């Protein structure tokens, strides 16, 4: 099983693209997608490689899931701290 993170492409080079994972910091990723990738596209990144282009709707949905998981992890961590 691999983890794929949604990102927005902010710059494209020959083999490397800069992507933003929503934190405003461009991160290099190897362009390994079958589809042509261009600035403004939404993609999935796994282990530093762009593996697939996705729609904006999918991107926003995946970001929402990621935020929900972080909130659950934080809540769980705080609850564990209260018990201990």
C-alpha atoms as a PDB file:
ATOM      1  CA  UNK A   1       0.000   0.000   0.000  1.00  0.00           C
ATOM      2  CA  UNK A   2       1.320   3.445  -0.819  1.00  0.00           C
ATOM      3  CA  UNK A   3       0.313   6.865   0.388  1.00  0.00           C
ATOM      4  CA  UNK A   4      -0.529   9.478  -2.213  1.00  0.00           C
ATOM      5  CA  UNK A   5      -0.763  13.147  -1.302  1.00  0.00           C
ATOM      6  CA  UNK A   6      -2.777  15.665  -3.345  1.00  0.00           C
ATOM      7  CA  UNK A   7      -0.869  18.694  -4.637  1.00  0.00           C
ATOM      8  CA  UNK A   8      -1.142  21.575  -7.077  1.00  0.00           C
ATOM      9  CA  UNK A   9       1.517  21.987  -9.773  1.00  0.00           C
ATOM     10  CA  UNK A  10       3.155  25.418  -9.553  1.00  0.00           C
ATOM     11  CA  UNK A  11       5.980  24.972 -12.084  1.00  0.00           C
ATOM     12  CA  UNK A  12       6.944  22.320 -14.649  1.00  0.00           C
ATOM     13  CA  UNK A  13      10.432  21.446 -15.898  1.00  0.00           C
ATOM     14  CA  UNK A  14      11.650  18.596 -18.094  1.00  0.00           C
ATOM     15  CA  UNK A  15      11.509  15.811 -15.507  1.00  0.00           C
ATOM     16  CA  UNK A  16      10.859  17.742 -12.297  1.00  0.00           C
ATOM     17  CA  UNK A  17       7.797  19.756 -11.332  1.00  0.00           C
ATOM     18  CA  UNK A  18       7.347  21.961  -8.302  1.00  0.00           C
ATOM     19  CA  UNK A  19       4.181  21.139  -6.392  1.00  0.00           C
ATOM     20  CA  UNK A  20       2.391  22.755  -3.471  1.00  0.00           C
ATOM     21  CA  UNK A  21       0.887  20.444  -0.852  1.00  0.00           C
ATOM     22  CA  UNK A  22      -1.248  23.298   0.458  1.00  0.00           C
ATOM     23  CA  UNK A  23       1.414  24.798   2.688  1.00  0.00           C
ATOM     24  CA  UNK A  24       2.654  27.411   0.209  1.00  0.00           C
ATOM     25  CA  UNK A  25       6.100  25.800  -0.062  1.00  0.00           C
ATOM     26  CA  UNK A  26       7.001  24.525  -3.554  1.00  0.00           C
ATOM     27  CA  UNK A  27       8.431  21.002  -3.348  1.00  0.00           C
ATOM     28  CA  UNK A  28      10.183  19.189  -6.213  1.00  0.00           C
ATOM     29  CA  UNK A  29       8.532  16.023  -7.519  1.00  0.00           C
ATOM     30  CA  UNK A  30       9.563  13.706 -10.334  1.00  0.00           C
ATOM     31  CA  UNK A  31       7.055  13.951 -13.172  1.00  0.00           C
ATOM     32  CA  UNK A  32       6.127  10.311 -13.679  1.00  0.00           C
ATOM     33  CA  UNK A  33       2.511  10.826 -14.796  1.00  0.00           C
ATOM     34  CA  UNK A  34       1.255   9.421 -18.077  1.00  0.00           C
ATOM     35  CA  UNK A  35      -0.753  12.577 -18.816  1.00  0.00           C
ATOM     36  CA  UNK A  36       0.882  15.874 -19.733  1.00  0.00           C
ATOM     37  CA  UNK A  37       1.275  17.970 -16.582  1.00  0.00           C
ATOM     38  CA  UNK A  38       1.097  21.752 -16.675  1.00  0.00           C
ATOM     39  CA  UNK A  39       1.092  24.617 -14.182  1.00  0.00           C
ATOM     40  CA  UNK A  40      -2.186  24.759 -12.262  1.00  0.00           C
ATOM     41  CA  UNK A  41      -2.957  21.034 -12.615  1.00  0.00           C
ATOM     42  CA  UNK A  42      -3.856  18.943  -9.590  1.00  0.00           C
ATOM     43  CA  UNK A  43      -1.936  15.729  -9.057  1.00  0.00           C
ATOM     44  CA  UNK A  44      -1.277  12.874  -6.671  1.00  0.00           C
ATOM     45  CA  UNK A  45       2.289  12.574  -5.397  1.00  0.00           C
ATOM     46  CA  UNK A  46       3.665   9.356  -3.940  1.00  0.00           C
ATOM     47  CA  UNK A  47       7.197   9.065  -2.575  1.00  0.00           C
ATOM     48  CA  UNK A  48       8.322  12.179  -4.443  1.00  0.00           C
ATOM     49  CA  UNK A  49       6.790  11.192  -7.789  1.00  0.00           C
ATOM     50  CA  UNK A  50       3.739  12.559  -9.563  1.00  0.00           C
ATOM     51  CA  UNK A  51       1.723   9.459 -10.332  1.00  0.00           C
ATOM     52  CA  UNK A  52      -1.589  10.812 -11.604  1.00  0.00           C
ATOM     53  CA  UNK A  53      -3.443  13.944 -12.627  1.00  0.00           C
ATOM     54  CA  UNK A  54      -6.721  14.512 -10.736  1.00  0.00           C
ATOM     55  CA  UNK A  55      -9.613  16.955 -10.992  1.00  0.00           C
ATOM     56  CA  UNK A  56      -9.975  20.011  -8.779  1.00  0.00           C
ATOM     57  CA  UNK A  57     -13.004  18.338  -7.159  1.00  0.00           C
ATOM     58  CA  UNK A  58     -10.920  15.266  -6.262  1.00  0.00           C
ATOM     59  CA  UNK A  59      -8.119  17.504  -4.972  1.00  0.00           C
ATOM     60  CA  UNK A  60     -10.475  19.427  -2.663  1.00  0.00           C
ATOM     61  CA  UNK A  61     -12.123  16.216  -1.470  1.00  0.00           C
ATOM     62  CA  UNK A  62      -8.768  14.629  -0.632  1.00  0.00           C
ATOM     63  CA  UNK A  63      -7.635  17.783   1.215  1.00  0.00           C
ATOM     64  CA  UNK A  64     -10.846  17.636   3.232  1.00  0.00           C
ATOM     65  CA  UNK A  65     -10.172  13.998   4.198  1.00  0.00           C
ATOM     66  CA  UNK A  66      -6.606  14.871   5.160  1.00  0.00           C
ATOM     67  CA  UNK A  67      -7.789  17.717   7.432  1.00  0.00           C
ATOM     68  CA  UNK A  68     -10.365  15.442   9.046  1.00  0.00           C
ATOM     69  CA  UNK A  69      -7.703  12.799   9.770  1.00  0.00           C
ATOM     70  CA  UNK A  70      -5.409  15.414  11.320  1.00  0.00           C
ATOM     71  CA  UNK A  71      -8.247  16.697  13.522  1.00  0.00           C
ATOM     72  CA  UNK A  72      -9.077  13.153  14.643  1.00  0.00           C
ATOM     73  CA  UNK A  73      -5.424  12.422  15.392  1.00  0.00           C
ATOM     74  CA  UNK A  74      -5.093  15.645  17.384  1.00  0.00           C
ATOM     75  CA  UNK A  75      -8.313  14.987  19.307  1.00  0.00           C
ATOM     76  CA  UNK A  76      -7.232  11.430  20.058  1.00  0.00           C
ATOM     77  CA  UNK A  77      -3.801  12.624  21.184  1.00  0.00           C
ATOM     78  CA  UNK A  78      -5.330  15.243  23.499  1.00  0.00           C
ATOM     79  CA  UNK A  79      -7.720  12.667  24.958  1.00  0.00           C
ATOM     80  CA  UNK A  80      -4.845  10.269  25.601  1.00  0.00           C
ATOM     81  CA  UNK A  81      -2.984  13.072  27.386  1.00  0.00           C
ATOM     82  CA  UNK A  82      -5.960  13.689  29.695  1.00  0.00           C
ATOM     83  CA  UNK A  83      -6.140   9.976  30.643  1.00  0.00           C
ATOM     84  CA  UNK A  84      -2.433   9.715  31.405  1.00  0.00           C
END
